PDB file of N, CA and C in Angstrom:
ATOM      1  N   UNK A   1     -16.999  17.443  23.073  1.00  0.00           N
ATOM      2  CA  UNK A   1     -15.691  16.853  22.940  1.00  0.00           C
ATOM      3  C   UNK A   1     -14.655  17.915  23.310  1.00  0.00           C
ATOM      4  N   UNK A   2     -13.679  17.507  24.084  1.00  0.00           N
ATOM      5  CA  UNK A   2     -12.654  18.450  24.515  1.00  0.00           C
ATOM      6  C   UNK A   2     -11.728  18.802  23.357  1.00  0.00           C
ATOM      7  N   UNK A   3     -10.944  19.843  23.558  1.00  0.00           N
ATOM      8  CA  UNK A   3      -9.997  20.272  22.521  1.00  0.00           C
ATOM      9  C   UNK A   3      -8.948  19.193  22.266  1.00  0.00           C
ATOM     10  N   UNK A   4      -8.527  18.506  23.329  1.00  0.00           N
ATOM     11  CA  UNK A   4      -7.523  17.446  23.177  1.00  0.00           C
ATOM     12  C   UNK A   4      -8.100  16.287  22.365  1.00  0.00           C
ATOM     13  N   UNK A   5      -9.324  15.903  22.677  1.00  0.00           N
ATOM     14  CA  UNK A   5      -9.964  14.810  21.940  1.00  0.00           C
ATOM     15  C   UNK A   5     -10.158  15.183  20.471  1.00  0.00           C
ATOM     16  N   UNK A   6     -10.516  16.427  20.221  1.00  0.00           N
ATOM     17  CA  UNK A   6     -10.697  16.891  18.846  1.00  0.00           C
ATOM     18  C   UNK A   6      -9.371  16.857  18.091  1.00  0.00           C
ATOM     19  N   UNK A   7      -8.300  17.282  18.745  1.00  0.00           N
ATOM     20  CA  UNK A   7      -6.972  17.264  18.120  1.00  0.00           C
ATOM     21  C   UNK A   7      -6.542  15.840  17.807  1.00  0.00           C
ATOM     22  N   UNK A   8      -6.760  14.939  18.755  1.00  0.00           N
ATOM     23  CA  UNK A   8      -6.397  13.535  18.528  1.00  0.00           C
ATOM     24  C   UNK A   8      -7.198  12.945  17.377  1.00  0.00           C
ATOM     25  N   UNK A   9      -8.472  13.254  17.355  1.00  0.00           N
ATOM     26  CA  UNK A   9      -9.331  12.726  16.291  1.00  0.00           C
ATOM     27  C   UNK A   9      -8.890  13.261  14.933  1.00  0.00           C
ATOM     28  N   UNK A  10      -8.564  14.551  14.872  1.00  0.00           N
ATOM     29  CA  UNK A  10      -8.113  15.153  13.619  1.00  0.00           C
ATOM     30  C   UNK A  10      -6.803  14.516  13.170  1.00  0.00           C
ATOM     31  N   UNK A  11      -5.886  14.298  14.103  1.00  0.00           N
ATOM     32  CA  UNK A  11      -4.604  13.683  13.773  1.00  0.00           C
ATOM     33  C   UNK A  11      -4.828  12.244  13.284  1.00  0.00           C
ATOM     34  N   UNK A  12      -5.711  11.509  13.960  1.00  0.00           N
ATOM     35  CA  UNK A  12      -6.018  10.133  13.552  1.00  0.00           C
ATOM     36  C   UNK A  12      -6.622  10.120  12.149  1.00  0.00           C
ATOM     37  N   UNK A  13      -7.556  11.017  11.866  1.00  0.00           N
ATOM     38  CA  UNK A  13      -8.173  11.094  10.539  1.00  0.00           C
ATOM     39  C   UNK A  13      -7.138  11.414   9.465  1.00  0.00           C
ATOM     40  N   UNK A  14      -6.203  12.304   9.785  1.00  0.00           N
ATOM     41  CA  UNK A  14      -5.157  12.666   8.828  1.00  0.00           C
ATOM     42  C   UNK A  14      -4.259  11.471   8.531  1.00  0.00           C
ATOM     43  N   UNK A  15      -3.855  10.744   9.568  1.00  0.00           N
ATOM     44  CA  UNK A  15      -3.006   9.567   9.390  1.00  0.00           C
ATOM     45  C   UNK A  15      -3.738   8.505   8.580  1.00  0.00           C
ATOM     46  N   UNK A  16      -4.995   8.263   8.903  1.00  0.00           N
ATOM     47  CA  UNK A  16      -5.789   7.261   8.190  1.00  0.00           C
ATOM     48  C   UNK A  16      -5.925   7.627   6.715  1.00  0.00           C
ATOM     49  N   UNK A  17      -6.200   8.885   6.430  1.00  0.00           N
ATOM     50  CA  UNK A  17      -6.336   9.338   5.044  1.00  0.00           C
ATOM     51  C   UNK A  17      -5.021   9.179   4.290  1.00  0.00           C
ATOM     52  N   UNK A  18      -3.931   9.550   4.940  1.00  0.00           N
ATOM     53  CA  UNK A  18      -2.610   9.420   4.314  1.00  0.00           C
ATOM     54  C   UNK A  18      -2.297   7.970   3.998  1.00  0.00           C
ATOM     55  N   UNK A  19      -2.580   7.074   4.929  1.00  0.00           N
ATOM     56  CA  UNK A  19      -2.325   5.646   4.694  1.00  0.00           C
ATOM     57  C   UNK A  19      -3.189   5.108   3.559  1.00  0.00           C
ATOM     58  N   UNK A  20      -4.425   5.547   3.509  1.00  0.00           N
ATOM     59  CA  UNK A  20      -5.312   5.109   2.435  1.00  0.00           C
ATOM     60  C   UNK A  20      -4.774   5.554   1.077  1.00  0.00           C
ATOM     61  N   UNK A  21      -4.300   6.783   1.002  1.00  0.00           N
ATOM     62  CA  UNK A  21      -3.719   7.287  -0.244  1.00  0.00           C
ATOM     63  C   UNK A  21      -2.486   6.466  -0.622  1.00  0.00           C
ATOM     64  N   UNK A  22      -1.655   6.139   0.363  1.00  0.00           N
ATOM     65  CA  UNK A  22      -0.459   5.324   0.101  1.00  0.00           C
ATOM     66  C   UNK A  22      -0.825   3.938  -0.420  1.00  0.00           C
ATOM     67  N   UNK A  23      -1.851   3.337   0.178  1.00  0.00           N
ATOM     68  CA  UNK A  23      -2.282   2.005  -0.258  1.00  0.00           C
ATOM     69  C   UNK A  23      -2.774   2.048  -1.705  1.00  0.00           C
ATOM     70  N   UNK A  24      -3.595   3.035  -2.023  1.00  0.00           N
ATOM     71  CA  UNK A  24      -4.131   3.156  -3.385  1.00  0.00           C
ATOM     72  C   UNK A  24      -3.001   3.420  -4.375  1.00  0.00           C
ATOM     73  N   UNK A  25      -2.071   4.308  -4.007  1.00  0.00           N
ATOM     74  CA  UNK A  25      -0.946   4.623  -4.883  1.00  0.00           C
ATOM     75  C   UNK A  25      -0.069   3.399  -5.109  1.00  0.00           C
ATOM     76  N   UNK A  26       0.206   2.662  -4.031  1.00  0.00           N
ATOM     77  CA  UNK A  26       1.037   1.463  -4.149  1.00  0.00           C
ATOM     78  C   UNK A  26       0.364   0.417  -5.032  1.00  0.00           C
ATOM     79  N   UNK A  27      -0.925   0.213  -4.834  1.00  0.00           N
ATOM     80  CA  UNK A  27      -1.653  -0.769  -5.644  1.00  0.00           C
ATOM     81  C   UNK A  27      -1.633  -0.374  -7.114  1.00  0.00           C
ATOM     82  N   UNK A  28      -1.840   0.907  -7.387  1.00  0.00           N
ATOM     83  CA  UNK A  28      -1.846   1.393  -8.768  1.00  0.00           C
ATOM     84  C   UNK A  28      -0.470   1.244  -9.396  1.00  0.00           C
ATOM     85  N   UNK A  29       0.564   1.607  -8.649  1.00  0.00           N
ATOM     86  CA  UNK A  29       1.934   1.507  -9.159  1.00  0.00           C
ATOM     87  C   UNK A  29       2.314   0.056  -9.410  1.00  0.00           C
ATOM     88  N   UNK A  30       1.953  -0.824  -8.476  1.00  0.00           N
ATOM     89  CA  UNK A  30       2.265  -2.250  -8.635  1.00  0.00           C
ATOM     90  C   UNK A  30       1.581  -2.804  -9.880  1.00  0.00           C
ATOM     91  N   UNK A  31       0.333  -2.439 -10.099  1.00  0.00           N
ATOM     92  CA  UNK A  31      -0.406  -2.914 -11.275  1.00  0.00           C
ATOM     93  C   UNK A  31       0.237  -2.400 -12.559  1.00  0.00           C
ATOM     94  N   UNK A  32       0.585  -1.122 -12.573  1.00  0.00           N
ATOM     95  CA  UNK A  32       1.205  -0.541 -13.771  1.00  0.00           C
ATOM     96  C   UNK A  32       2.561  -1.180 -14.049  1.00  0.00           C
ATOM     97  N   UNK A  33       3.341  -1.391 -13.008  1.00  0.00           N
ATOM     98  CA  UNK A  33       4.658  -2.017 -13.168  1.00  0.00           C
ATOM     99  C   UNK A  33       4.520  -3.443 -13.676  1.00  0.00           C
ATOM    100  N   UNK A  34       3.593  -4.183 -13.097  1.00  0.00           N
ATOM    101  CA  UNK A  34       3.378  -5.570 -13.519  1.00  0.00           C
ATOM    102  C   UNK A  34       2.942  -5.627 -14.979  1.00  0.00           C
ATOM    103  N   UNK A  35       2.061  -4.720 -15.380  1.00  0.00           N
ATOM    104  CA  UNK A  35       1.596  -4.685 -16.766  1.00  0.00           C
ATOM    105  C   UNK A  35       2.754  -4.372 -17.713  1.00  0.00           C
ATOM    106  N   UNK A  36       3.587  -3.406 -17.338  1.00  0.00           N
ATOM    107  CA  UNK A  36       4.744  -3.049 -18.167  1.00  0.00           C
ATOM    108  C   UNK A  36       5.710  -4.217 -18.282  1.00  0.00           C
ATOM    109  N   UNK A  37       5.983  -4.865 -17.154  1.00  0.00           N
ATOM    110  CA  UNK A  37       6.897  -6.014 -17.168  1.00  0.00           C
ATOM    111  C   UNK A  37       6.336  -7.160 -18.004  1.00  0.00           C
ATOM    112  N   UNK A  38       5.023  -7.341 -17.957  1.00  0.00           N
ATOM    113  CA  UNK A  38       4.403  -8.422 -18.728  1.00  0.00           C
ATOM    114  C   UNK A  38       4.628  -8.217 -20.221  1.00  0.00           C
ATOM    115  N   UNK A  39       4.726  -6.983 -20.627  1.00  0.00           N
ATOM    116  CA  UNK A  39       4.917  -6.693 -22.050  1.00  0.00           C
ATOM    117  C   UNK A  39       6.382  -6.759 -22.474  1.00  0.00           C
ATOM    118  N   UNK A  40       7.307  -6.704 -21.490  1.00  0.00           N
ATOM    119  CA  UNK A  40       8.718  -6.614 -21.855  1.00  0.00           C
ATOM    120  C   UNK A  40       9.582  -7.798 -21.439  1.00  0.00           C
ATOM    121  N   UNK A  41       9.170  -8.567 -20.450  1.00  0.00           N
ATOM    122  CA  UNK A  41      10.012  -9.659 -19.956  1.00  0.00           C
ATOM    123  C   UNK A  41       9.571 -11.022 -20.493  1.00  0.00           C
ATOM    124  N   UNK A  42      10.510 -11.948 -20.574  1.00  0.00           N
ATOM    125  CA  UNK A  42      10.132 -13.328 -20.917  1.00  0.00           C
ATOM    126  C   UNK A  42       9.212 -13.904 -19.836  1.00  0.00           C
ATOM    127  N   UNK A  43       8.388 -14.898 -20.141  1.00  0.00           N
ATOM    128  CA  UNK A  43       7.409 -15.427 -19.190  1.00  0.00           C
ATOM    129  C   UNK A  43       7.984 -15.877 -17.839  1.00  0.00           C
ATOM    130  N   UNK A  44       9.128 -16.548 -17.841  1.00  0.00           N
ATOM    131  CA  UNK A  44       9.689 -17.047 -16.573  1.00  0.00           C
ATOM    132  C   UNK A  44      10.093 -15.901 -15.661  1.00  0.00           C
ATOM    133  N   UNK A  45      10.775 -14.923 -16.221  1.00  0.00           N
ATOM    134  CA  UNK A  45      11.186 -13.767 -15.415  1.00  0.00           C
ATOM    135  C   UNK A  45       9.965 -12.974 -14.961  1.00  0.00           C
ATOM    136  N   UNK A  46       8.947 -12.908 -15.807  1.00  0.00           N
ATOM    137  CA  UNK A  46       7.734 -12.171 -15.441  1.00  0.00           C
ATOM    138  C   UNK A  46       7.060 -12.815 -14.242  1.00  0.00           C
ATOM    139  N   UNK A  47       6.987 -14.147 -14.228  1.00  0.00           N
ATOM    140  CA  UNK A  47       6.355 -14.848 -13.106  1.00  0.00           C
ATOM    141  C   UNK A  47       7.102 -14.545 -11.813  1.00  0.00           C
ATOM    142  N   UNK A  48       8.426 -14.487 -11.875  1.00  0.00           N
ATOM    143  CA  UNK A  48       9.226 -14.168 -10.687  1.00  0.00           C
ATOM    144  C   UNK A  48       8.946 -12.746 -10.230  1.00  0.00           C
ATOM    145  N   UNK A  49       8.897 -11.806 -11.168  1.00  0.00           N
ATOM    146  CA  UNK A  49       8.636 -10.406 -10.820  1.00  0.00           C
ATOM    147  C   UNK A  49       7.234 -10.244 -10.211  1.00  0.00           C
ATOM    148  N   UNK A  50       6.267 -10.959 -10.761  1.00  0.00           N
ATOM    149  CA  UNK A  50       4.908 -10.880 -10.229  1.00  0.00           C
ATOM    150  C   UNK A  50       4.871 -11.419  -8.805  1.00  0.00           C
ATOM    151  N   UNK A  51       5.588 -12.489  -8.568  1.00  0.00           N
ATOM    152  CA  UNK A  51       5.644 -13.073  -7.233  1.00  0.00           C
ATOM    153  C   UNK A  51       6.257 -12.090  -6.243  1.00  0.00           C
ATOM    154  N   UNK A  52       7.337 -11.426  -6.651  1.00  0.00           N
ATOM    155  CA  UNK A  52       7.981 -10.435  -5.786  1.00  0.00           C
ATOM    156  C   UNK A  52       7.039  -9.264  -5.538  1.00  0.00           C
ATOM    157  N   UNK A  53       6.383  -8.778  -6.582  1.00  0.00           N
ATOM    158  CA  UNK A  53       5.462  -7.645  -6.437  1.00  0.00           C
ATOM    159  C   UNK A  53       4.307  -8.002  -5.513  1.00  0.00           C
ATOM    160  N   UNK A  54       3.766  -9.207  -5.651  1.00  0.00           N
ATOM    161  CA  UNK A  54       2.663  -9.638  -4.781  1.00  0.00           C
ATOM    162  C   UNK A  54       3.128  -9.729  -3.331  1.00  0.00           C
ATOM    163  N   UNK A  55       4.331 -10.228  -3.132  1.00  0.00           N
ATOM    164  CA  UNK A  55       4.886 -10.342  -1.786  1.00  0.00           C
ATOM    165  C   UNK A  55       5.070  -8.968  -1.156  1.00  0.00           C
ATOM    166  N   UNK A  56       5.587  -8.012  -1.933  1.00  0.00           N
ATOM    167  CA  UNK A  56       5.775  -6.651  -1.428  1.00  0.00           C
ATOM    168  C   UNK A  56       4.433  -6.004  -1.089  1.00  0.00           C
ATOM    169  N   UNK A  57       3.437  -6.225  -1.929  1.00  0.00           N
ATOM    170  CA  UNK A  57       2.110  -5.655  -1.667  1.00  0.00           C
ATOM    171  C   UNK A  57       1.512  -6.238  -0.390  1.00  0.00           C
ATOM    172  N   UNK A  58       1.680  -7.551  -0.197  1.00  0.00           N
ATOM    173  CA  UNK A  58       1.166  -8.193   1.016  1.00  0.00           C
ATOM    174  C   UNK A  58       1.883  -7.672   2.261  1.00  0.00           C
ATOM    175  N   UNK A  59       3.196  -7.499   2.161  1.00  0.00           N
ATOM    176  CA  UNK A  59       3.952  -6.963   3.288  1.00  0.00           C
ATOM    177  C   UNK A  59       3.475  -5.563   3.644  1.00  0.00           C
ATOM    178  N   UNK A  60       3.231  -4.745   2.618  1.00  0.00           N
ATOM    179  CA  UNK A  60       2.764  -3.380   2.856  1.00  0.00           C
ATOM    180  C   UNK A  60       1.392  -3.393   3.533  1.00  0.00           C
ATOM    181  N   UNK A  61       0.506  -4.265   3.085  1.00  0.00           N
ATOM    182  CA  UNK A  61      -0.831  -4.369   3.679  1.00  0.00           C
ATOM    183  C   UNK A  61      -0.735  -4.783   5.151  1.00  0.00           C
ATOM    184  N   UNK A  62       0.137  -5.761   5.449  1.00  0.00           N
ATOM    185  CA  UNK A  62       0.310  -6.216   6.829  1.00  0.00           C
ATOM    186  C   UNK A  62       0.871  -5.105   7.707  1.00  0.00           C
ATOM    187  N   UNK A  63       1.858  -4.376   7.198  1.00  0.00           N
ATOM    188  CA  UNK A  63       2.440  -3.282   7.967  1.00  0.00           C
ATOM    189  C   UNK A  63       1.405  -2.196   8.229  1.00  0.00           C
ATOM    190  N   UNK A  64       0.581  -1.913   7.240  1.00  0.00           N
ATOM    191  CA  UNK A  64      -0.461  -0.900   7.400  1.00  0.00           C
ATOM    192  C   UNK A  64      -1.488  -1.354   8.439  1.00  0.00           C
ATOM    193  N   UNK A  65      -1.887  -2.608   8.366  1.00  0.00           N
ATOM    194  CA  UNK A  65      -2.851  -3.147   9.333  1.00  0.00           C
ATOM    195  C   UNK A  65      -2.267  -3.094  10.745  1.00  0.00           C
ATOM    196  N   UNK A  66      -0.999  -3.443  10.882  1.00  0.00           N
ATOM    197  CA  UNK A  66      -0.350  -3.380  12.198  1.00  0.00           C
ATOM    198  C   UNK A  66      -0.301  -1.953  12.710  1.00  0.00           C
ATOM    199  N   UNK A  67      -0.011  -1.002  11.837  1.00  0.00           N
ATOM    200  CA  UNK A  67       0.065   0.404  12.239  1.00  0.00           C
ATOM    201  C   UNK A  67      -1.304   0.909  12.693  1.00  0.00           C
ATOM    202  N   UNK A  68      -2.344   0.535  11.954  1.00  0.00           N
ATOM    203  CA  UNK A  68      -3.685   1.011  12.300  1.00  0.00           C
ATOM    204  C   UNK A  68      -4.207   0.373  13.587  1.00  0.00           C
ATOM    205  N   UNK A  69      -3.679  -0.803  13.944  1.00  0.00           N
ATOM    206  CA  UNK A  69      -4.157  -1.476  15.151  1.00  0.00           C
ATOM    207  C   UNK A  69      -3.505  -0.930  16.420  1.00  0.00           C
ATOM    208  N   UNK A  70      -2.502  -0.078  16.255  1.00  0.00           N
ATOM    209  CA  UNK A  70      -1.810   0.496  17.434  1.00  0.00           C
ATOM    210  C   UNK A  70      -2.717   1.480  18.139  1.00  0.00           C
TER     211      UNK A  70
END
C-alpha cells in the first residue's frame, strides 16, 4: 500500500472512530436526559420531550449515515 493510501485509510479510520464515539455519546446523553425528564415533568410534557429527543436522534443518525456514504 502506498503512503498516500495509508494516510487516507488512517484518516478514514480516525473519522469513523470519532463518529462512532459521537453516536454512542449522543445516545447515552439522550437516554439520560429522557430518564431525568421522566422523573420531573408531567406526562403530557414528557411525551412531547421524548418525541423531540427521538426526532433529534433520528436526524443525527441520518446525517451520520449520509456523511459515511460520501
